[in-house]
Amino acid sequence: MPMRFLAIWMGMGCVATADWPTYLGDGSRSGIARSKLALPLRESWAHRSPHKPRPAWRGPARNDLYNKQMGLHNRQAFDHAYHVVTVGGLVFYGSSADDQLYCLDKATGIVKWTFFAEGPIRLAPTIHNNRVWFGSDDGFVYCISLAGKLIWKKRLGPRDYRVPGNGRMISAWPVRSGVLVSGGLVFAAAGMFPSEGVYVCALGTATGEIKWRTLQTDLTAQGYLLMSQTQLFVAAGRASPVVYDLATGKRLRAVGGQGGTDVTLAGDDLVVGPGRTGQLCLIPAGQEKVFATFSGTRMVVTQDLFLIHGVNEMRAINRPEFLKWEGRRKQITASVSKLEGHIKNVRRGKPGPKPLSDLSVDLAEAKEGLASARIKLAECETWKQPGGYPYALILSGEHVFVGGQNEVAARNLADGEIVWRQSVKGRALGLAISNERLLVSTNLGTIYCFKSEAKQ
């Protein structure tokens, strides 16, 4: 199945193709919209939450002087805005400030109803088969109707034990993983203290009965879950994700990299970041080690491109060519290192696979090939544009929508040129596209709706 269509399929359930039923649109967290927007857009409404978000983690110090690392990035920014999901004529978000799930009218932004949990709701809900699913710091996964009526709730931890957290009394096993639904199962994880146990669970959709539950004792579970057709990826806060078998809950591996909760599946390859120093790590399917790193804060992956936004610029990289030449570069680099080792041994009087002169010729040819591979890698960049929109990135048709400080913008996919921009108040951390509308969430707790002028 092609990557883009796999991303569209995963985690959708029975929703219209133009909907945005879960964070970043699908279970792969692809950030690829299933509907296009006709530019320009005009503000349709703005919903201002009664309270600003109250993040669980404020972020690290900006600089690590001891290790001489400057401009450090927050790897746990999953709840710094009220990220929205939308199905049909409804928009939903959870509040980390007043413990409510909000349902808005998509046409007007007016609150239709709210539902109280017993603790902060830090991650966006998921809509599946006309039900709303979400987790809370109270330790429960909730299933409610589109009218806001409780169907069931299930505690994932071993007991109802409350501890102080972020100025509140919360469960010792808060649900900070988000929720995904597929194949009659609800997936979620609870716990942020590995020493107390972290529980990764699959529940039945009908009543919330536990189908499997796996204990994790080395890493937390914080940040949005994502899934492929066979595997569940559990974000681990500042560390890199842990991978589980979707059907059985068997732990398969923990992956490498600098960690972070902005995790995306590109087919079956994993992109994790932004790392402590602003790196996005590409980890091939089924592997633990990082294949390539990119300087940036956000990434969307198509069959043809890596779309990467950093602090001050955005780049588009030819994906197939990059993978080919980066693989070649790594192969030649290993050969150079091996040849240099043989040459060093021969010069010390140790036997080698070839005479010194032949090894020197092989090394020179390898270095020439390495230089050529690096040139080819540089040529994989199809365009680069300046602009500070590091906070959010999604793709809709031929436009890339990006979020920055007090502004949201659209770029042409073909060349990266900005073709539309609009002021907002705060950092535009969340973007969603559905039914001719762009929804923007900021760190100030405001949700903006922009609509095509042609559709006003």
Protein backbone atom coordinates (compact mmCIF):
# COMPACT_ATOMS: atom_id res chain seq x y z
CA MET A 1 0.00 0.00 0.00
CA PRO A 2 1.49 3.39 -0.94
CA MET A 3 2.66 5.42 2.04
CA ARG A 4 0.27 8.33 1.60
CA PHE A 5 -2.78 6.09 1.37
CA LEU A 6 -1.60 3.98 4.31
CA ALA A 7 -1.35 7.16 6.38
CA ILE A 8 -4.85 8.17 5.35
CA TRP A 9 -6.28 4.75 6.22
CA MET A 10 -4.72 4.12 9.60
CA GLY A 11 -6.87 4.97 12.61
CA MET A 12 -9.72 6.60 10.67
CA GLY A 13 -12.60 4.28 11.29
CA CYS A 14 -15.87 5.21 9.57
CA VAL A 15 -15.29 8.94 9.02
CA ALA A 16 -15.59 11.04 5.91
CA THR A 17 -12.43 11.48 3.88
CA ALA A 18 -12.43 15.24 4.54
CA ASP A 19 -12.47 14.83 8.34
CA TRP A 20 -9.55 15.20 10.76
CA PRO A 21 -10.50 12.57 13.37
CA THR A 22 -7.28 12.40 15.37
CA TYR A 23 -4.09 14.35 16.03
CA LEU A 24 -2.30 15.15 12.76
CA GLY A 25 -5.14 13.57 10.84
CA ASP A 26 -4.49 9.81 11.10
CA GLY A 27 -2.90 7.03 13.10
CA SER A 28 0.42 7.52 11.32
CA ARG A 29 0.47 11.19 12.46
CA SER A 30 1.26 12.06 8.86
CA GLY A 31 -0.04 15.63 8.93
CA ILE A 32 -1.41 15.12 5.40
CA ALA A 33 -4.92 16.48 4.90
CA ARG A 34 -7.50 14.63 2.84
CA SER A 35 -9.06 17.83 1.55
CA LYS A 36 -7.69 20.88 -0.25
CA LEU A 37 -8.12 24.55 0.61
CA ALA A 38 -8.66 27.21 -2.02
CA LEU A 39 -6.59 30.28 -1.11
CA PRO A 40 -6.91 32.96 0.09
CA LEU A 41 -8.46 32.20 3.48
CA ARG A 42 -10.31 34.58 5.76
CA GLU A 43 -10.99 34.30 9.48
CA SER A 44 -14.42 32.79 10.05
CA TRP A 45 -14.41 32.68 13.86
CA ALA A 46 -12.14 32.55 16.90
CA HIS A 47 -12.91 30.54 20.02
CA ARG A 48 -11.12 31.74 23.14
CA SER A 49 -10.94 29.10 25.84
CA PRO A 50 -11.74 30.30 29.38
CA HIS A 51 -8.21 29.31 30.40
CA LYS A 52 -4.80 29.07 28.75
CA PRO A 53 -3.22 25.61 28.52
CA ARG A 54 -1.35 24.49 31.62
CA PRO A 55 1.44 22.30 30.22
CA ALA A 56 2.81 19.39 32.21
CA TRP A 57 6.37 20.32 31.21
CA ARG A 58 7.58 23.88 30.75
CA GLY A 59 10.66 22.89 28.79
CA PRO A 60 14.40 22.67 29.50
CA ALA A 61 16.83 25.51 30.04
CA ARG A 62 17.63 27.16 26.74
CA ASN A 63 21.38 26.55 27.06
CA ASP A 64 23.56 23.79 28.54
CA LEU A 65 26.77 25.66 29.29
CA TYR A 66 28.52 22.63 30.79
CA ASN A 67 28.16 20.62 27.55
CA LYS A 68 28.38 23.76 25.38
CA GLN A 69 24.98 23.12 23.77
CA MET A 70 22.92 26.21 23.00
CA GLY A 71 19.34 26.74 21.85
CA LEU A 72 18.00 23.51 23.33
CA HIS A 73 14.57 22.31 22.20
CA ASN A 74 11.64 21.17 24.30
CA ARG A 75 11.05 17.48 23.60
CA GLN A 76 7.77 17.34 25.57
CA ALA A 77 5.58 20.09 24.09
CA PHE A 78 2.58 17.86 23.35
CA ASP A 79 0.14 19.89 25.50
CA HIS A 80 1.22 23.52 24.98
CA ALA A 81 -1.89 24.18 22.86
CA TYR A 82 -5.40 22.77 22.61
CA HIS A 83 -5.00 20.59 19.52
CA VAL A 84 -8.31 19.96 17.79
CA VAL A 85 -9.97 17.13 15.90
CA THR A 86 -13.04 17.54 13.75
CA VAL A 87 -15.71 15.32 12.23
CA GLY A 88 -18.73 16.52 10.28
CA GLY A 89 -19.94 19.82 11.75
CA LEU A 90 -18.20 19.38 15.11
CA VAL A 91 -14.81 20.40 16.53
CA PHE A 92 -13.39 18.84 19.72
CA TYR A 93 -10.54 19.62 22.08
CA GLY A 94 -9.54 18.72 25.63
CA SER A 95 -8.45 21.21 28.27
CA SER A 96 -5.45 20.81 30.55
CA ALA A 97 -6.71 23.77 32.61
CA ASP A 98 -10.33 22.97 33.53
CA ASP A 99 -10.52 19.20 32.85
CA GLN A 100 -13.25 19.52 30.22
CA LEU A 101 -13.69 18.10 26.75
CA TYR A 102 -15.17 20.83 24.56
CA CYS A 103 -17.42 20.34 21.54
CA LEU A 104 -17.72 23.36 19.22
CA ASP A 105 -19.97 24.05 16.26
CA LYS A 106 -17.65 24.06 13.25
CA ALA A 107 -19.67 26.74 11.47
CA THR A 108 -19.68 29.27 14.34
CA GLY A 109 -17.15 28.19 16.99
CA ILE A 110 -19.89 28.28 19.64
CA VAL A 111 -19.64 25.70 22.44
CA LYS A 112 -22.32 23.01 22.00
CA TRP A 113 -21.47 21.00 25.11
CA THR A 114 -18.67 20.11 27.52
CA PHE A 115 -17.84 16.91 29.41
CA PHE A 116 -15.92 16.88 32.69
CA ALA A 117 -13.15 14.39 33.47
CA GLU A 118 -11.51 14.19 36.91
CA GLY A 119 -8.18 15.56 35.76
CA PRO A 120 -6.46 17.51 32.97
CA ILE A 121 -7.05 16.34 29.39
CA ARG A 122 -3.68 16.97 27.80
CA LEU A 123 -3.95 15.44 24.34
CA ALA A 124 -6.48 15.68 21.55
CA PRO A 125 -9.28 13.09 21.46
CA THR A 126 -9.87 10.61 18.65
CA ILE A 127 -13.20 10.22 16.83
CA HIS A 128 -14.13 6.73 15.63
CA ASN A 129 -17.52 5.25 14.69
CA ASN A 130 -19.42 8.25 16.08
CA ARG A 131 -17.72 8.02 19.46
CA VAL A 132 -15.17 10.27 21.14
CA TRP A 133 -12.19 8.65 22.88
CA PHE A 134 -9.68 10.39 25.13
CA GLY A 135 -7.50 9.96 28.20
CA SER A 136 -6.96 12.12 31.26
CA ASP A 137 -4.50 12.68 34.08
CA ASP A 138 -7.13 11.02 36.29
CA GLY A 139 -5.86 7.71 34.88
CA PHE A 140 -8.96 6.83 32.86
CA VAL A 141 -9.69 6.31 29.17
CA TYR A 142 -13.13 7.69 28.29
CA CYS A 143 -15.59 6.70 25.59
CA ILE A 144 -18.43 9.19 25.08
CA SER A 145 -21.04 9.85 22.41
CA LEU A 146 -20.97 12.72 19.93
CA ALA A 147 -23.66 14.26 22.14
CA GLY A 148 -21.33 14.23 25.18
CA LYS A 149 -22.86 11.27 27.06
CA LEU A 150 -20.60 8.81 28.88
CA ILE A 151 -20.64 5.30 27.39
CA TRP A 152 -17.84 3.87 29.51
CA LYS A 153 -14.56 4.73 31.19
CA LYS A 154 -11.67 2.47 32.18
CA ARG A 155 -8.76 2.96 34.57
CA LEU A 156 -5.52 1.65 33.06
CA GLY A 157 -3.35 1.60 36.20
CA PRO A 158 -3.54 -1.05 38.92
CA ARG A 159 -5.54 1.07 41.41
CA ASP A 160 -6.98 4.51 42.12
CA TYR A 161 -3.97 6.17 43.74
CA ARG A 162 -3.57 9.96 43.49
CA VAL A 163 -0.37 12.02 43.77
CA PRO A 164 0.44 15.73 43.45
CA GLY A 165 1.19 16.75 39.86
CA ASN A 166 1.32 20.19 38.25
CA GLY A 167 -0.47 21.72 41.22
CA ARG A 168 -3.23 19.11 41.04
CA MET A 169 -4.04 15.72 42.49
CA ILE A 170 -3.69 13.28 39.58
CA SER A 171 -3.40 9.55 39.12
CA ALA A 172 -0.01 7.98 39.64
CA TRP A 173 -0.69 6.51 36.19
CA PRO A 174 -2.01 9.45 34.10
CA VAL A 175 -3.04 8.79 30.51
CA ARG A 176 -0.72 11.07 28.51
CA SER A 177 -0.49 8.97 25.37
CA GLY A 178 -3.62 10.02 23.53
CA VAL A 179 -5.92 7.27 22.30
CA LEU A 180 -6.11 5.41 18.97
CA VAL A 181 -8.84 3.05 17.78
CA SER A 182 -8.53 0.33 15.14
CA GLY A 183 -9.87 -3.15 14.50
CA GLY A 184 -12.26 -3.17 17.44
CA LEU A 185 -9.51 -2.18 19.89
CA VAL A 186 -8.71 1.02 21.80
CA PHE A 187 -5.01 1.68 22.42
CA ALA A 188 -3.64 3.88 25.20
CA ALA A 189 -0.86 4.00 27.79
CA ALA A 190 -0.77 5.20 31.39
CA GLY A 191 2.08 6.12 33.71
CA MET A 192 4.99 8.54 33.82
CA PHE A 193 7.08 6.98 36.60
CA PRO A 194 8.79 3.82 35.26
CA SER A 195 9.63 2.73 38.80
CA GLU A 196 5.88 2.59 39.53
CA GLY A 197 5.14 0.83 36.24
CA VAL A 198 3.88 2.16 32.93
CA TYR A 199 0.97 0.26 31.35
CA VAL A 200 0.46 -0.03 27.59
CA CYS A 201 -3.03 -1.35 26.93
CA ALA A 202 -5.51 -2.54 24.33
CA LEU A 203 -9.18 -2.31 25.32
CA GLY A 204 -12.32 -3.57 23.64
CA THR A 205 -14.35 -0.80 22.04
CA ALA A 206 -17.71 -2.07 23.31
CA THR A 207 -17.16 -1.95 27.08
CA GLY A 208 -13.49 -1.10 27.64
CA GLU A 209 -12.51 -4.58 28.77
CA ILE A 210 -8.74 -5.08 28.74
CA LYS A 211 -7.60 -7.31 25.86
CA TRP A 212 -3.92 -7.05 26.68
CA ARG A 213 -1.82 -4.97 29.07
CA THR A 214 1.98 -4.79 29.01
CA LEU A 215 4.10 -3.45 31.86
CA GLN A 216 6.94 -1.09 30.93
CA THR A 217 9.49 -0.33 33.67
CA ASP A 218 12.28 1.57 31.93
CA LEU A 219 10.60 4.46 30.09
CA THR A 220 7.64 6.79 30.56
CA ALA A 221 4.67 7.04 28.16
CA GLN A 222 4.11 10.68 27.22
CA GLY A 223 3.20 11.97 23.77
CA TYR A 224 0.85 10.77 21.05
CA LEU A 225 0.64 7.07 20.18
CA LEU A 226 0.89 6.11 16.53
CA MET A 227 0.44 2.87 14.65
CA SER A 228 1.22 0.98 11.48
CA GLN A 229 -0.84 -2.00 10.32
CA THR A 230 0.98 -4.33 12.73
CA GLN A 231 2.81 -2.20 15.30
CA LEU A 232 2.06 0.32 18.04
CA PHE A 233 4.59 3.10 18.73
CA VAL A 234 4.54 4.56 22.25
CA ALA A 235 6.17 7.98 22.61
CA ALA A 236 8.42 8.10 25.67
CA GLY A 237 8.71 11.78 26.47
CA ARG A 238 12.30 12.95 26.18
CA ALA A 239 13.41 9.45 25.12
CA SER A 240 12.71 7.76 21.79
CA PRO A 241 9.62 5.57 21.29
CA VAL A 242 9.05 1.95 22.25
CA VAL A 243 7.50 -0.39 19.66
CA TYR A 244 4.89 -3.05 20.48
CA ASP A 245 3.09 -5.73 18.49
CA LEU A 246 -0.40 -4.39 17.86
CA ALA A 247 -2.15 -7.74 18.21
CA THR A 248 -0.43 -9.16 21.30
CA GLY A 249 1.19 -6.26 23.17
CA LYS A 250 4.61 -7.91 22.97
CA ARG A 251 7.42 -5.39 23.26
CA LEU A 252 9.53 -5.51 20.11
CA ARG A 253 12.20 -2.82 20.54
CA ALA A 254 13.12 0.66 21.71
CA VAL A 255 14.54 2.88 19.00
CA GLY A 256 17.51 5.25 19.03
CA GLY A 257 17.88 8.96 18.42
CA GLN A 258 17.64 12.08 20.55
CA GLY A 259 14.01 11.50 21.49
CA GLY A 260 11.01 13.79 21.40
CA THR A 261 7.24 13.53 21.11
CA ASP A 262 6.83 14.79 17.53
CA VAL A 263 6.77 11.29 16.06
CA THR A 264 5.65 10.43 12.52
CA LEU A 265 5.41 7.24 10.47
CA ALA A 266 6.55 7.44 6.84
CA GLY A 267 5.23 4.15 5.54
CA ASP A 268 6.85 1.88 8.12
CA ASP A 269 9.84 4.17 8.70
CA LEU A 270 9.85 6.29 11.84
CA VAL A 271 10.73 9.97 12.23
CA VAL A 272 11.40 11.11 15.82
CA GLY A 273 12.17 14.56 17.14
CA PRO A 274 12.93 17.29 17.69
CA GLY A 275 15.92 16.11 19.65
CA ARG A 276 17.62 18.10 22.37
CA THR A 277 19.62 20.03 19.79
CA GLY A 278 16.89 20.24 17.14
CA GLN A 279 17.39 17.02 15.20
CA LEU A 280 14.82 14.86 13.46
CA CYS A 281 15.94 11.23 13.30
CA LEU A 282 14.89 8.79 10.55
CA ILE A 283 14.79 5.17 11.72
CA PRO A 284 14.05 2.48 9.08
CA ALA A 285 11.26 -0.03 9.56
CA GLY A 286 12.12 -2.81 11.98
CA GLN A 287 15.42 -1.24 13.05
CA GLU A 288 16.64 0.43 16.23
CA LYS A 289 19.50 2.58 14.90
CA VAL A 290 19.17 5.98 13.26
CA PHE A 291 19.70 5.95 9.48
CA ALA A 292 19.81 9.73 8.95
CA THR A 293 19.35 12.97 10.86
CA PHE A 294 17.90 16.27 9.70
CA SER A 295 18.23 19.67 11.30
CA GLY A 296 14.67 20.78 12.01
CA THR A 297 11.69 20.90 14.33
CA ARG A 298 8.85 19.51 12.20
CA MET A 299 8.59 17.11 9.24
CA VAL A 300 5.96 15.86 6.83
CA VAL A 301 6.88 12.95 4.56
CA THR A 302 5.32 12.10 1.20
CA GLN A 303 6.30 9.41 -1.28
CA ASP A 304 8.52 11.96 -3.04
CA LEU A 305 9.63 14.49 -0.44
CA PHE A 306 10.88 15.17 3.05
CA LEU A 307 9.34 18.53 4.02
CA ILE A 308 11.34 19.93 6.93
CA HIS A 309 10.87 23.14 8.87
CA GLY A 310 13.55 24.45 11.17
CA VAL A 311 13.72 27.57 13.30
CA ASN A 312 14.54 29.95 10.45
CA GLU A 313 14.05 28.06 7.19
CA MET A 314 12.12 25.33 5.40
CA ARG A 315 13.52 22.71 3.01
CA ALA A 316 12.17 20.13 0.61
CA ILE A 317 14.37 17.09 -0.05
CA ASN A 318 13.91 14.47 -2.77
CA ARG A 319 13.11 11.43 -0.63
CA PRO A 320 14.02 8.50 -2.95
CA GLU A 321 17.29 10.12 -4.06
CA PHE A 322 18.25 11.06 -0.53
CA LEU A 323 17.67 7.53 0.76
CA LYS A 324 19.76 6.12 -2.09
CA TRP A 325 22.72 8.45 -1.68
CA GLU A 326 22.67 8.51 2.11
CA GLY A 327 22.82 4.71 2.06
CA ARG A 328 25.70 4.93 -0.39
CA ARG A 329 27.48 7.52 1.76
CA LYS A 330 27.19 5.36 4.86
CA GLN A 331 28.47 2.31 2.96
CA ILE A 332 31.50 4.17 1.59
CA THR A 333 32.22 5.77 4.97
CA ALA A 334 32.40 2.29 6.50
CA SER A 335 34.77 1.19 3.70
CA VAL A 336 37.02 4.23 4.27
CA SER A 337 37.21 3.48 7.98
CA LYS A 338 38.06 -0.17 7.29
CA LEU A 339 40.74 0.70 4.73
CA GLU A 340 42.31 3.24 7.07
CA GLY A 341 42.49 0.55 9.73
CA HIS A 342 44.20 -1.89 7.32
CA ILE A 343 46.73 0.78 6.28
CA LYS A 344 47.51 1.60 9.90
CA ASN A 345 48.12 -2.08 10.68
CA VAL A 346 50.37 -2.61 7.63
CA ARG A 347 52.48 0.41 8.58
CA ARG A 348 52.92 -1.10 12.02
CA GLY A 349 54.22 -4.26 10.45
CA LYS A 350 51.06 -6.31 10.74
CA PRO A 351 49.72 -8.37 7.81
CA GLY A 352 47.01 -6.80 5.65
CA PRO A 353 44.63 -8.08 2.93
CA LYS A 354 46.65 -6.20 0.27
CA PRO A 355 50.00 -4.49 -0.15
CA LEU A 356 50.19 -0.97 1.21
CA SER A 357 50.26 0.56 -2.29
CA ASP A 358 47.05 -1.22 -3.31
CA LEU A 359 45.33 -0.25 -0.07
CA SER A 360 46.30 3.38 -0.65
CA VAL A 361 44.80 3.29 -4.15
CA ASP A 362 41.60 1.74 -2.79
CA LEU A 363 41.40 4.41 -0.08
CA ALA A 364 41.83 7.23 -2.58
CA GLU A 365 39.07 5.78 -4.78
CA ALA A 366 36.79 5.36 -1.77
CA LYS A 367 37.34 8.96 -0.67
CA GLU A 368 36.60 10.13 -4.20
CA GLY A 369 33.36 8.13 -4.13
CA LEU A 370 32.53 9.61 -0.73
CA ALA A 371 32.98 13.14 -2.05
CA SER A 372 30.74 12.30 -5.01
CA ALA A 373 28.03 10.89 -2.70
CA ARG A 374 28.11 14.07 -0.62
CA ILE A 375 27.63 16.18 -3.74
CA LYS A 376 24.67 14.02 -4.75
CA LEU A 377 23.17 14.40 -1.28
CA ALA A 378 23.42 18.18 -1.52
CA GLU A 379 21.64 18.01 -4.88
CA CYS A 380 18.71 16.19 -3.24
CA GLU A 381 17.52 19.48 -1.78
CA THR A 382 14.87 20.64 -4.23
CA TRP A 383 14.27 24.01 -2.58
CA LYS A 384 15.03 26.01 0.56
CA GLN A 385 13.22 29.11 1.78
CA PRO A 386 13.79 31.41 4.77
CA GLY A 387 11.07 32.00 7.32
CA GLY A 388 10.48 31.37 10.99
CA TYR A 389 7.56 28.95 11.25
CA PRO A 390 8.97 26.20 13.48
CA TYR A 391 5.88 25.27 15.49
CA ALA A 392 3.50 23.40 13.17
CA LEU A 393 3.55 21.85 9.69
CA ILE A 394 0.87 20.06 7.66
CA LEU A 395 0.26 19.40 3.96
CA SER A 396 -2.92 19.99 1.97
CA GLY A 397 -2.85 19.41 -1.78
CA GLU A 398 -0.28 21.74 -3.33
CA HIS A 399 0.13 23.88 -0.21
CA VAL A 400 2.15 23.45 2.97
CA PHE A 401 0.66 25.19 6.01
CA VAL A 402 3.05 26.33 8.75
CA GLY A 403 2.71 27.90 12.19
CA GLY A 404 4.95 30.57 13.66
CA GLN A 405 4.95 33.32 16.26
CA ASN A 406 1.75 35.37 15.89
CA GLU A 407 1.30 34.11 12.32
CA VAL A 408 0.16 31.20 10.20
CA ALA A 409 1.12 30.88 6.53
CA ALA A 410 0.83 28.71 3.42
CA ARG A 411 3.71 27.83 1.10
CA ASN A 412 3.66 26.42 -2.40
CA LEU A 413 4.68 22.77 -2.34
CA ALA A 414 6.55 23.23 -5.64
CA ASP A 415 8.96 25.97 -4.56
CA GLY A 416 8.28 26.89 -0.92
CA GLU A 417 7.20 30.45 -1.68
CA ILE A 418 4.74 31.95 0.82
CA VAL A 419 1.42 32.54 -0.93
CA TRP A 420 -0.82 33.39 2.04
CA ARG A 421 -0.34 34.51 5.62
CA GLN A 422 -2.54 35.63 8.49
CA SER A 423 -1.92 37.07 11.94
CA VAL A 424 -2.93 35.19 15.09
CA LYS A 425 -2.18 35.85 18.75
CA GLY A 426 0.45 33.56 20.23
CA ARG A 427 2.47 30.65 18.89
CA ALA A 428 0.55 28.70 16.24
CA LEU A 429 1.31 25.23 17.60
CA GLY A 430 -1.59 23.22 16.17
CA LEU A 431 -2.99 22.99 12.62
CA ALA A 432 -5.87 20.92 11.25
CA ILE A 433 -7.69 20.97 7.90
CA SER A 434 -11.22 19.73 7.26
CA ASN A 435 -14.11 20.63 4.96
CA GLU A 436 -12.69 23.82 3.45
CA ARG A 437 -11.44 25.07 6.82
CA LEU A 438 -8.08 25.58 8.48
CA LEU A 439 -8.14 25.32 12.28
CA VAL A 440 -5.26 26.91 14.20
CA SER A 441 -4.52 26.39 17.91
CA THR A 442 -2.20 28.73 19.82
CA ASN A 443 -0.44 28.54 23.16
CA LEU A 444 -2.81 31.24 24.49
CA GLY A 445 -5.77 28.86 24.31
CA THR A 446 -7.36 30.39 21.21
CA ILE A 447 -8.64 28.31 18.30
CA TYR A 448 -9.02 30.13 14.98
CA CYS A 449 -11.06 28.96 12.01
CA PHE A 450 -10.08 30.21 8.54
CA LYS A 451 -12.28 29.53 5.55
CA SER A 452 -11.74 29.97 1.81
CA GLU A 453 -13.04 33.35 0.67
CA ALA A 454 -14.75 31.56 -2.20
CA LYS A 455 -16.79 29.55 0.33
CA GLN A 456 -17.88 32.43 2.60
